[in-house]
PDB file of all heavy atoms in Angstrom:
ATOM      1  N   SER A   1      10.901   8.422  -2.772  1.00  0.00           N
ATOM      2  CA  SER A   1      10.626   8.618  -1.356  1.00  0.00           C
ATOM      3  C   SER A   1       9.519   9.511  -1.184  1.00  0.00           C
ATOM      4  O   SER A   1       9.077  10.302  -1.977  1.00  0.00           O
ATOM      5  CB  SER A   1      11.932   9.283  -0.742  1.00  0.00           C
ATOM      6  OG  SER A   1      12.151  10.542  -1.428  1.00  0.00           O
ATOM      7  N   MET A   2       8.896   9.385   0.031  1.00  0.00           N
ATOM      8  CA  MET A   2       7.670  10.096   0.261  1.00  0.00           C
ATOM      9  C   MET A   2       7.913  10.960   1.567  1.00  0.00           C
ATOM     10  O   MET A   2       8.454  10.532   2.477  1.00  0.00           O
ATOM     11  CB  MET A   2       6.524   9.148   0.506  1.00  0.00           C
ATOM     12  CG  MET A   2       6.201   8.341  -0.722  1.00  0.00           C
ATOM     13  SD  MET A   2       4.749   7.252  -0.492  1.00  0.00           S
ATOM     14  CE  MET A   2       3.450   8.313  -0.653  1.00  0.00           C
ATOM     15  N   ASN A   3       7.492  12.174   1.482  1.00  0.00           N
ATOM     16  CA  ASN A   3       7.612  13.145   2.527  1.00  0.00           C
ATOM     17  C   ASN A   3       6.492  13.088   3.465  1.00  0.00           C
ATOM     18  O   ASN A   3       5.351  13.329   3.009  1.00  0.00           O
ATOM     19  CB  ASN A   3       7.951  14.564   1.972  1.00  0.00           C
ATOM     20  CG  ASN A   3       9.080  14.604   1.061  1.00  0.00           C
ATOM     21  OD1 ASN A   3      10.071  13.918   1.279  1.00  0.00           O
ATOM     22  ND2 ASN A   3       9.026  15.420   0.033  1.00  0.00           N
ATOM     23  N   LEU A   4       6.746  13.031   4.748  1.00  0.00           N
ATOM     24  CA  LEU A   4       5.693  13.006   5.787  1.00  0.00           C
ATOM     25  C   LEU A   4       5.683  14.306   6.580  1.00  0.00           C
ATOM     26  O   LEU A   4       6.743  14.719   7.110  1.00  0.00           O
ATOM     27  CB  LEU A   4       5.916  11.790   6.701  1.00  0.00           C
ATOM     28  CG  LEU A   4       5.049  11.768   7.948  1.00  0.00           C
ATOM     29  CD1 LEU A   4       3.568  11.503   7.526  1.00  0.00           C
ATOM     30  CD2 LEU A   4       5.561  10.685   8.871  1.00  0.00           C
ATOM     31  N   TYR A   5       4.511  14.984   6.577  1.00  0.00           N
ATOM     32  CA  TYR A   5       4.315  16.128   7.413  1.00  0.00           C
ATOM     33  C   TYR A   5       3.243  15.847   8.486  1.00  0.00           C
ATOM     34  O   TYR A   5       2.233  15.275   8.222  1.00  0.00           O
ATOM     35  CB  TYR A   5       3.917  17.290   6.516  1.00  0.00           C
ATOM     36  CG  TYR A   5       4.942  17.734   5.479  1.00  0.00           C
ATOM     37  CD1 TYR A   5       5.122  16.986   4.325  1.00  0.00           C
ATOM     38  CD2 TYR A   5       5.813  18.712   5.805  1.00  0.00           C
ATOM     39  CE1 TYR A   5       6.042  17.401   3.391  1.00  0.00           C
ATOM     40  CE2 TYR A   5       6.775  19.136   4.919  1.00  0.00           C
ATOM     41  CZ  TYR A   5       6.907  18.396   3.660  1.00  0.00           C
ATOM     42  OH  TYR A   5       7.879  18.802   2.790  1.00  0.00           O
ATOM     43  N   GLU A   6       3.584  16.312   9.719  1.00  0.00           N
ATOM     44  CA  GLU A   6       2.644  16.163  10.760  1.00  0.00           C
ATOM     45  C   GLU A   6       2.483  17.505  11.432  1.00  0.00           C
ATOM     46  O   GLU A   6       3.436  18.189  11.876  1.00  0.00           O
ATOM     47  CB  GLU A   6       3.105  15.138  11.809  1.00  0.00           C
ATOM     48  CG  GLU A   6       2.084  14.840  12.856  1.00  0.00           C
ATOM     49  CD  GLU A   6       2.503  13.656  13.701  1.00  0.00           C
ATOM     50  OE1 GLU A   6       3.548  13.060  13.409  1.00  0.00           O
ATOM     51  OE2 GLU A   6       1.706  13.231  14.569  1.00  0.00           O
ATOM     52  N   TRP A   7       1.194  17.968  11.527  1.00  0.00           N
ATOM     53  CA  TRP A   7       0.877  19.343  12.028  1.00  0.00           C
ATOM     54  C   TRP A   7       1.676  20.370  11.193  1.00  0.00           C
ATOM     55  O   TRP A   7       2.171  21.347  11.753  1.00  0.00           O
ATOM     56  CB  TRP A   7       1.223  19.463  13.473  1.00  0.00           C
ATOM     57  CG  TRP A   7       0.357  18.630  14.345  1.00  0.00           C
ATOM     58  CD1 TRP A   7       0.720  17.426  15.053  1.00  0.00           C
ATOM     59  CD2 TRP A   7      -1.080  18.792  14.615  1.00  0.00           C
ATOM     60  NE1 TRP A   7      -0.360  16.902  15.693  1.00  0.00           N
ATOM     61  CE2 TRP A   7      -1.456  17.655  15.465  1.00  0.00           C
ATOM     62  CE3 TRP A   7      -2.102  19.670  14.241  1.00  0.00           C
ATOM     63  CZ2 TRP A   7      -2.774  17.599  15.829  1.00  0.00           C
ATOM     64  CZ3 TRP A   7      -3.334  19.490  14.631  1.00  0.00           C
ATOM     65  CH2 TRP A   7      -3.764  18.540  15.452  1.00  0.00           C
ATOM     66  N   GLY A   8       1.808  20.186   9.887  1.00  0.00           N
ATOM     67  CA  GLY A   8       2.500  21.134   9.084  1.00  0.00           C
ATOM     68  C   GLY A   8       3.998  21.157   9.172  1.00  0.00           C
ATOM     69  O   GLY A   8       4.630  21.960   8.505  1.00  0.00           O
ATOM     70  N   GLU A   9       4.621  20.146   9.960  1.00  0.00           N
ATOM     71  CA  GLU A   9       6.098  20.133  10.086  1.00  0.00           C
ATOM     72  C   GLU A   9       6.604  18.782   9.517  1.00  0.00           C
ATOM     73  O   GLU A   9       6.018  17.817   9.639  1.00  0.00           O
ATOM     74  CB  GLU A   9       6.481  20.229  11.530  1.00  0.00           C
ATOM     75  CG  GLU A   9       6.096  21.582  12.193  1.00  0.00           C
ATOM     76  CD  GLU A   9       6.545  21.632  13.663  1.00  0.00           C
ATOM     77  OE1 GLU A   9       7.214  20.723  14.058  1.00  0.00           O
ATOM     78  OE2 GLU A   9       6.279  22.627  14.369  1.00  0.00           O
ATOM     79  N   TRP A  10       7.848  18.966   8.864  1.00  0.00           N
ATOM     80  CA  TRP A  10       8.411  17.733   8.321  1.00  0.00           C
ATOM     81  C   TRP A  10       8.840  16.755   9.385  1.00  0.00           C
ATOM     82  O   TRP A  10       9.503  17.058  10.401  1.00  0.00           O
ATOM     83  CB  TRP A  10       9.662  18.153   7.554  1.00  0.00           C
ATOM     84  CG  TRP A  10      10.448  17.020   6.870  1.00  0.00           C
ATOM     85  CD1 TRP A  10      10.217  16.280   5.840  1.00  0.00           C
ATOM     86  CD2 TRP A  10      11.628  16.473   7.448  1.00  0.00           C
ATOM     87  NE1 TRP A  10      11.094  15.430   5.577  1.00  0.00           N
ATOM     88  CE2 TRP A  10      12.022  15.349   6.558  1.00  0.00           C
ATOM     89  CE3 TRP A  10      12.405  16.766   8.569  1.00  0.00           C
ATOM     90  CZ2 TRP A  10      13.114  14.673   6.775  1.00  0.00           C
ATOM     91  CZ3 TRP A  10      13.596  16.045   8.779  1.00  0.00           C
ATOM     92  CH2 TRP A  10      13.907  14.926   7.898  1.00  0.00           C
ATOM     93  N   MET A  11       8.447  15.495   9.207  1.00  0.00           N
ATOM     94  CA  MET A  11       8.789  14.456  10.301  1.00  0.00           C
ATOM     95  C   MET A  11       9.854  13.414   9.745  1.00  0.00           C
ATOM     96  O   MET A  11      10.656  13.019  10.508  1.00  0.00           O
ATOM     97  CB  MET A  11       7.598  13.809  10.713  1.00  0.00           C
ATOM     98  CG  MET A  11       6.614  14.747  11.416  1.00  0.00           C
ATOM     99  SD  MET A  11       7.248  15.373  12.967  1.00  0.00           S
ATOM    100  CE  MET A  11       7.360  13.974  13.961  1.00  0.00           C
ATOM    101  N   ALA A  12       9.581  12.945   8.514  1.00  0.00           N
ATOM    102  CA  ALA A  12      10.519  11.881   8.070  1.00  0.00           C
ATOM    103  C   ALA A  12      10.463  11.774   6.564  1.00  0.00           C
ATOM    104  O   ALA A  12       9.468  12.309   5.941  1.00  0.00           O
ATOM    105  CB  ALA A  12      10.102  10.583   8.689  1.00  0.00           C
ATOM    106  N   ILE A  13      11.468  11.026   6.004  1.00  0.00           N
ATOM    107  CA  ILE A  13      11.336  10.702   4.568  1.00  0.00           C
ATOM    108  C   ILE A  13      11.210   9.107   4.637  1.00  0.00           C
ATOM    109  O   ILE A  13      11.974   8.406   5.264  1.00  0.00           O
ATOM    110  CB  ILE A  13      12.628  11.041   3.805  1.00  0.00           C
ATOM    111  CG1 ILE A  13      12.740  12.564   3.693  1.00  0.00           C
ATOM    112  CG2 ILE A  13      12.627  10.434   2.412  1.00  0.00           C
ATOM    113  CD1 ILE A  13      13.918  13.094   2.985  1.00  0.00           C
ATOM    114  N   HIS A  14      10.218   8.672   3.941  1.00  0.00           N
ATOM    115  CA  HIS A  14       9.938   7.177   3.875  1.00  0.00           C
ATOM    116  C   HIS A  14       9.565   6.930   2.501  1.00  0.00           C
ATOM    117  O   HIS A  14       8.993   7.759   1.780  1.00  0.00           O
ATOM    118  CB  HIS A  14       8.935   6.850   5.001  1.00  0.00           C
ATOM    119  CG  HIS A  14       7.601   7.451   4.620  1.00  0.00           C
ATOM    120  ND1 HIS A  14       6.537   6.706   4.095  1.00  0.00           N
ATOM    121  CD2 HIS A  14       7.186   8.733   4.706  1.00  0.00           C
ATOM    122  CE1 HIS A  14       5.446   7.499   3.831  1.00  0.00           C
ATOM    123  NE2 HIS A  14       5.817   8.709   4.327  1.00  0.00           N
ATOM    124  N   CYS A  15       9.649   5.944   1.880  1.00  0.00           N
ATOM    125  CA  CYS A  15      10.125   4.584   2.340  1.00  0.00           C
ATOM    126  C   CYS A  15      10.726   3.985   1.104  1.00  0.00           C
ATOM    127  O   CYS A  15      10.764   4.569   0.097  1.00  0.00           O
ATOM    128  CB  CYS A  15       8.896   3.797   2.805  1.00  0.00           C
ATOM    129  SG  CYS A  15       7.659   3.634   1.518  1.00  0.00           S
ATOM    130  N   THR A  16      11.201   2.787   1.174  1.00  0.00           N
ATOM    131  CA  THR A  16      11.813   2.043   0.027  1.00  0.00           C
ATOM    132  C   THR A  16      10.720   1.204  -0.515  1.00  0.00           C
ATOM    133  O   THR A  16       9.859   0.607   0.139  1.00  0.00           O
ATOM    134  CB  THR A  16      12.888   1.154   0.481  1.00  0.00           C
ATOM    135  OG1 THR A  16      12.398   0.279   1.513  1.00  0.00           O
ATOM    136  CG2 THR A  16      14.108   1.964   1.038  1.00  0.00           C
ATOM    137  N   PRO A  17      10.725   1.141  -1.879  1.00  0.00           N
ATOM    138  CA  PRO A  17       9.706   0.264  -2.504  1.00  0.00           C
ATOM    139  C   PRO A  17       9.870  -1.135  -2.040  1.00  0.00           C
ATOM    140  O   PRO A  17      10.914  -1.658  -1.756  1.00  0.00           O
ATOM    141  CB  PRO A  17      10.018   0.387  -4.005  1.00  0.00           C
ATOM    142  CG  PRO A  17      10.730   1.658  -4.104  1.00  0.00           C
ATOM    143  CD  PRO A  17      11.566   1.749  -2.869  1.00  0.00           C
ATOM    144  N   ASP A  18       8.663  -1.872  -1.873  1.00  0.00           N
ATOM    145  CA  ASP A  18       8.657  -3.297  -1.508  1.00  0.00           C
ATOM    146  C   ASP A  18       8.379  -4.111  -2.791  1.00  0.00           C
ATOM    147  O   ASP A  18       7.203  -4.063  -3.237  1.00  0.00           O
ATOM    148  CB  ASP A  18       7.578  -3.431  -0.511  1.00  0.00           C
ATOM    149  CG  ASP A  18       7.477  -4.899   0.019  1.00  0.00           C
ATOM    150  OD1 ASP A  18       8.282  -5.753  -0.461  1.00  0.00           O
ATOM    151  OD2 ASP A  18       6.674  -5.176   0.828  1.00  0.00           O
ATOM    152  N   ASP A  19       9.349  -4.780  -3.335  1.00  0.00           N
ATOM    153  CA  ASP A  19       9.213  -5.483  -4.532  1.00  0.00           C
ATOM    154  C   ASP A  19       8.417  -6.736  -4.395  1.00  0.00           C
ATOM    155  O   ASP A  19       8.036  -7.437  -5.392  1.00  0.00           O
ATOM    156  CB  ASP A  19      10.542  -5.806  -5.186  1.00  0.00           C
ATOM    157  CG  ASP A  19      11.317  -4.549  -5.543  1.00  0.00           C
ATOM    158  OD1 ASP A  19      10.665  -3.573  -5.910  1.00  0.00           O
ATOM    159  OD2 ASP A  19      12.564  -4.633  -5.563  1.00  0.00           O
ATOM    160  N   THR A  20       8.104  -7.171  -3.097  1.00  0.00           N
ATOM    161  CA  THR A  20       7.247  -8.377  -2.933  1.00  0.00           C
ATOM    162  C   THR A  20       5.852  -8.072  -3.114  1.00  0.00           C
ATOM    163  O   THR A  20       4.952  -8.903  -3.071  1.00  0.00           O
ATOM    164  CB  THR A  20       7.398  -8.921  -1.560  1.00  0.00           C
ATOM    165  OG1 THR A  20       6.950  -7.908  -0.590  1.00  0.00           O
ATOM    166  CG2 THR A  20       8.958  -9.146  -1.272  1.00  0.00           C
ATOM    167  N   LYS A  21       5.447  -6.761  -3.304  1.00  0.00           N
ATOM    168  CA  LYS A  21       4.034  -6.375  -3.382  1.00  0.00           C
ATOM    169  C   LYS A  21       3.662  -5.958  -4.826  1.00  0.00           C
ATOM    170  O   LYS A  21       4.547  -5.340  -5.524  1.00  0.00           O
ATOM    171  CB  LYS A  21       3.721  -5.198  -2.503  1.00  0.00           C
ATOM    172  CG  LYS A  21       3.946  -5.545  -0.965  1.00  0.00           C
ATOM    173  CD  LYS A  21       2.984  -6.552  -0.551  1.00  0.00           C
ATOM    174  CE  LYS A  21       3.133  -6.927   0.973  1.00  0.00           C
ATOM    175  NZ  LYS A  21       2.303  -7.973   1.416  1.00  0.00           N
ATOM    176  N   ASN A  22       2.522  -6.332  -5.297  1.00  0.00           N
ATOM    177  CA  ASN A  22       2.049  -5.862  -6.613  1.00  0.00           C
ATOM    178  C   ASN A  22       1.532  -4.506  -6.589  1.00  0.00           C
ATOM    179  O   ASN A  22       1.617  -3.737  -7.588  1.00  0.00           O
ATOM    180  CB  ASN A  22       0.929  -6.789  -7.054  1.00  0.00           C
ATOM    181  CG  ASN A  22       1.380  -8.225  -7.467  1.00  0.00           C
ATOM    182  OD1 ASN A  22       2.496  -8.364  -7.831  1.00  0.00           O
ATOM    183  ND2 ASN A  22       0.601  -9.197  -7.106  1.00  0.00           N
ATOM    184  N   SER A  23       1.140  -4.038  -5.407  1.00  0.00           N
ATOM    185  CA  SER A  23       0.740  -2.679  -5.190  1.00  0.00           C
ATOM    186  C   SER A  23       0.875  -2.356  -3.749  1.00  0.00           C
ATOM    187  O   SER A  23       1.139  -3.272  -2.911  1.00  0.00           O
ATOM    188  CB  SER A  23      -0.736  -2.513  -5.696  1.00  0.00           C
ATOM    189  OG  SER A  23      -1.665  -3.218  -4.871  1.00  0.00           O
ATOM    190  N   GLY A  24       0.552  -1.161  -3.386  1.00  0.00           N
ATOM    191  CA  GLY A  24       0.696  -0.749  -1.946  1.00  0.00           C
ATOM    192  C   GLY A  24       1.934  -0.049  -1.717  1.00  0.00           C
ATOM    193  O   GLY A  24       2.903   0.010  -2.518  1.00  0.00           O
ATOM    194  N   TYR A  25       2.015   0.616  -0.646  1.00  0.00           N
ATOM    195  CA  TYR A  25       3.247   1.392  -0.279  1.00  0.00           C
ATOM    196  C   TYR A  25       3.386   1.471   1.268  1.00  0.00           C
ATOM    197  O   TYR A  25       2.402   1.438   1.914  1.00  0.00           O
ATOM    198  CB  TYR A  25       3.137   2.790  -0.941  1.00  0.00           C
ATOM    199  CG  TYR A  25       1.856   3.509  -0.787  1.00  0.00           C
ATOM    200  CD1 TYR A  25       1.564   4.408   0.313  1.00  0.00           C
ATOM    201  CD2 TYR A  25       0.838   3.146  -1.647  1.00  0.00           C
ATOM    202  CE1 TYR A  25       0.381   5.014   0.286  1.00  0.00           C
ATOM    203  CE2 TYR A  25      -0.381   3.890  -1.516  1.00  0.00           C
ATOM    204  CZ  TYR A  25      -0.608   4.806  -0.570  1.00  0.00           C
ATOM    205  OH  TYR A  25      -1.825   5.412  -0.527  1.00  0.00           O
ATOM    206  N   SER A  26       4.625   1.663   1.735  1.00  0.00           N
ATOM    207  CA  SER A  26       4.957   1.605   3.137  1.00  0.00           C
ATOM    208  C   SER A  26       4.761   3.017   3.771  1.00  0.00           C
ATOM    209  O   SER A  26       4.856   3.920   3.115  1.00  0.00           O
ATOM    210  CB  SER A  26       6.450   1.160   3.358  1.00  0.00           C
ATOM    211  OG  SER A  26       6.677  -0.061   2.568  1.00  0.00           O
ATOM    212  N   PHE A  27       4.539   2.899   5.147  1.00  0.00           N
ATOM    213  CA  PHE A  27       4.504   4.133   5.855  1.00  0.00           C
ATOM    214  C   PHE A  27       5.425   4.088   6.986  1.00  0.00           C
ATOM    215  O   PHE A  27       5.298   3.197   7.846  1.00  0.00           O
ATOM    216  CB  PHE A  27       3.051   4.337   6.311  1.00  0.00           C
ATOM    217  CG  PHE A  27       2.937   5.430   7.315  1.00  0.00           C
ATOM    218  CD1 PHE A  27       3.530   6.597   7.159  1.00  0.00           C
ATOM    219  CD2 PHE A  27       2.000   5.309   8.393  1.00  0.00           C
ATOM    220  CE1 PHE A  27       3.392   7.635   8.049  1.00  0.00           C
ATOM    221  CE2 PHE A  27       1.854   6.341   9.291  1.00  0.00           C
ATOM    222  CZ  PHE A  27       2.467   7.535   9.058  1.00  0.00           C
ATOM    223  N   GLN A  28       6.501   4.869   7.073  1.00  0.00           N
ATOM    224  CA  GLN A  28       7.497   4.815   8.044  1.00  0.00           C
ATOM    225  C   GLN A  28       7.552   6.084   8.833  1.00  0.00           C
ATOM    226  O   GLN A  28       7.456   7.137   8.255  1.00  0.00           O
ATOM    227  CB  GLN A  28       8.866   4.437   7.560  1.00  0.00           C
ATOM    228  CG  GLN A  28       8.893   3.149   6.762  1.00  0.00           C
ATOM    229  CD  GLN A  28      10.321   2.951   6.129  1.00  0.00           C
ATOM    230  OE1 GLN A  28      11.223   3.561   6.552  1.00  0.00           O
ATOM    231  NE2 GLN A  28      10.283   2.327   4.971  1.00  0.00           N
ATOM    232  N   THR A  29       7.772   6.064  10.183  1.00  0.00           N
ATOM    233  CA  THR A  29       8.064   7.248  10.908  1.00  0.00           C
ATOM    234  C   THR A  29       9.352   7.047  11.741  1.00  0.00           C
ATOM    235  O   THR A  29       9.927   5.895  11.673  1.00  0.00           O
ATOM    236  CB  THR A  29       6.935   7.552  11.873  1.00  0.00           C
ATOM    237  OG1 THR A  29       6.976   6.580  12.956  1.00  0.00           O
ATOM    238  CG2 THR A  29       5.645   7.499  11.248  1.00  0.00           C
ATOM    239  N   ARG A  30       9.758   7.998  12.405  1.00  0.00           N
ATOM    240  CA  ARG A  30      11.024   7.923  13.234  1.00  0.00           C
ATOM    241  C   ARG A  30      10.868   6.866  14.344  1.00  0.00           C
ATOM    242  O   ARG A  30      11.905   6.395  14.860  1.00  0.00           O
ATOM    243  CB  ARG A  30      11.410   9.235  13.786  1.00  0.00           C
ATOM    244  CG  ARG A  30      11.767  10.303  12.718  1.00  0.00           C
ATOM    245  CD  ARG A  30      12.286  11.538  13.353  1.00  0.00           C
ATOM    246  NE  ARG A  30      11.139  12.207  14.116  1.00  0.00           N
ATOM    247  CZ  ARG A  30      11.258  13.416  14.614  1.00  0.00           C
ATOM    248  NH1 ARG A  30      12.387  14.050  14.585  1.00  0.00           N
ATOM    249  NH2 ARG A  30      10.210  13.871  15.288  1.00  0.00           N
ATOM    250  N   THR A  31       9.740   6.393  14.653  1.00  0.00           N
ATOM    251  CA  THR A  31       9.472   5.545  15.727  1.00  0.00           C
ATOM    252  C   THR A  31       9.659   4.071  15.309  1.00  0.00           C
ATOM    253  O   THR A  31       9.621   3.080  16.132  1.00  0.00           O
ATOM    254  CB  THR A  31       8.030   5.596  16.341  1.00  0.00           C
ATOM    255  OG1 THR A  31       7.109   5.394  15.349  1.00  0.00           O
ATOM    256  CG2 THR A  31       7.858   6.990  16.860  1.00  0.00           C
ATOM    257  N   MET A  32       9.826   3.867  13.993  1.00  0.00           N
ATOM    258  CA  MET A  32      10.044   2.426  13.449  1.00  0.00           C
ATOM    259  C   MET A  32      11.371   1.878  13.899  1.00  0.00           C
ATOM    260  O   MET A  32      12.310   2.512  13.850  1.00  0.00           O
ATOM    261  CB  MET A  32       9.884   2.474  11.904  1.00  0.00           C
ATOM    262  CG  MET A  32       8.636   2.940  11.370  1.00  0.00           C
ATOM    263  SD  MET A  32       7.174   1.927  11.924  1.00  0.00           S
ATOM    264  CE  MET A  32       7.728   0.335  11.264  1.00  0.00           C
ATOM    265  N   SER A  33      11.174   0.625  14.380  1.00  0.00           N
ATOM    266  CA  SER A  33      12.428  -0.063  14.755  1.00  0.00           C
ATOM    267  C   SER A  33      13.216  -0.549  13.611  1.00  0.00           C
ATOM    268  O   SER A  33      14.471  -0.680  13.561  1.00  0.00           O
ATOM    269  CB  SER A  33      12.129  -1.200  15.738  1.00  0.00           C
ATOM    270  OG  SER A  33      11.240  -2.159  15.057  1.00  0.00           O
ATOM    271  N   LYS A  34      12.489  -0.999  12.494  1.00  0.00           N
ATOM    272  CA  LYS A  34      13.175  -1.510  11.372  1.00  0.00           C
ATOM    273  C   LYS A  34      12.648  -0.717  10.038  1.00  0.00           C
ATOM    274  O   LYS A  34      11.650  -1.217   9.506  1.00  0.00           O
ATOM    275  CB  LYS A  34      12.892  -2.950  11.169  1.00  0.00           C
ATOM    276  CG  LYS A  34      13.622  -3.824  12.220  1.00  0.00           C
ATOM    277  CD  LYS A  34      13.394  -5.308  11.991  1.00  0.00           C
ATOM    278  CE  LYS A  34      14.067  -6.174  13.038  1.00  0.00           C
ATOM    279  NZ  LYS A  34      13.724  -7.540  12.759  1.00  0.00           N
ATOM    280  N   PRO A  35      13.262   0.338   9.675  1.00  0.00           N
ATOM    281  CA  PRO A  35      12.856   1.028   8.494  1.00  0.00           C
ATOM    282  C   PRO A  35      13.092   0.177   7.267  1.00  0.00           C
ATOM    283  O   PRO A  35      13.980  -0.676   7.306  1.00  0.00           O
ATOM    284  CB  PRO A  35      13.654   2.305   8.449  1.00  0.00           C
ATOM    285  CG  PRO A  35      14.891   1.906   9.222  1.00  0.00           C
ATOM    286  CD  PRO A  35      14.510   0.992  10.279  1.00  0.00           C
ATOM    287  N   GLY A  36      12.353   0.319   6.291  1.00  0.00           N
ATOM    288  CA  GLY A  36      12.509  -0.526   5.042  1.00  0.00           C
ATOM    289  C   GLY A  36      11.288  -0.853   4.376  1.00  0.00           C
ATOM    290  O   GLY A  36      10.462  -0.065   3.972  1.00  0.00           O
TER     291      GLY A  36
END
């Protein structure tokens, strides 16, 4: 999981690995309608 900080404050923990990708990583925030 990756920890997101905005303006020095913790905002969210994201994300789950996407096994359909050879590389890359997701970026999620609390505004996401479908986390994952």
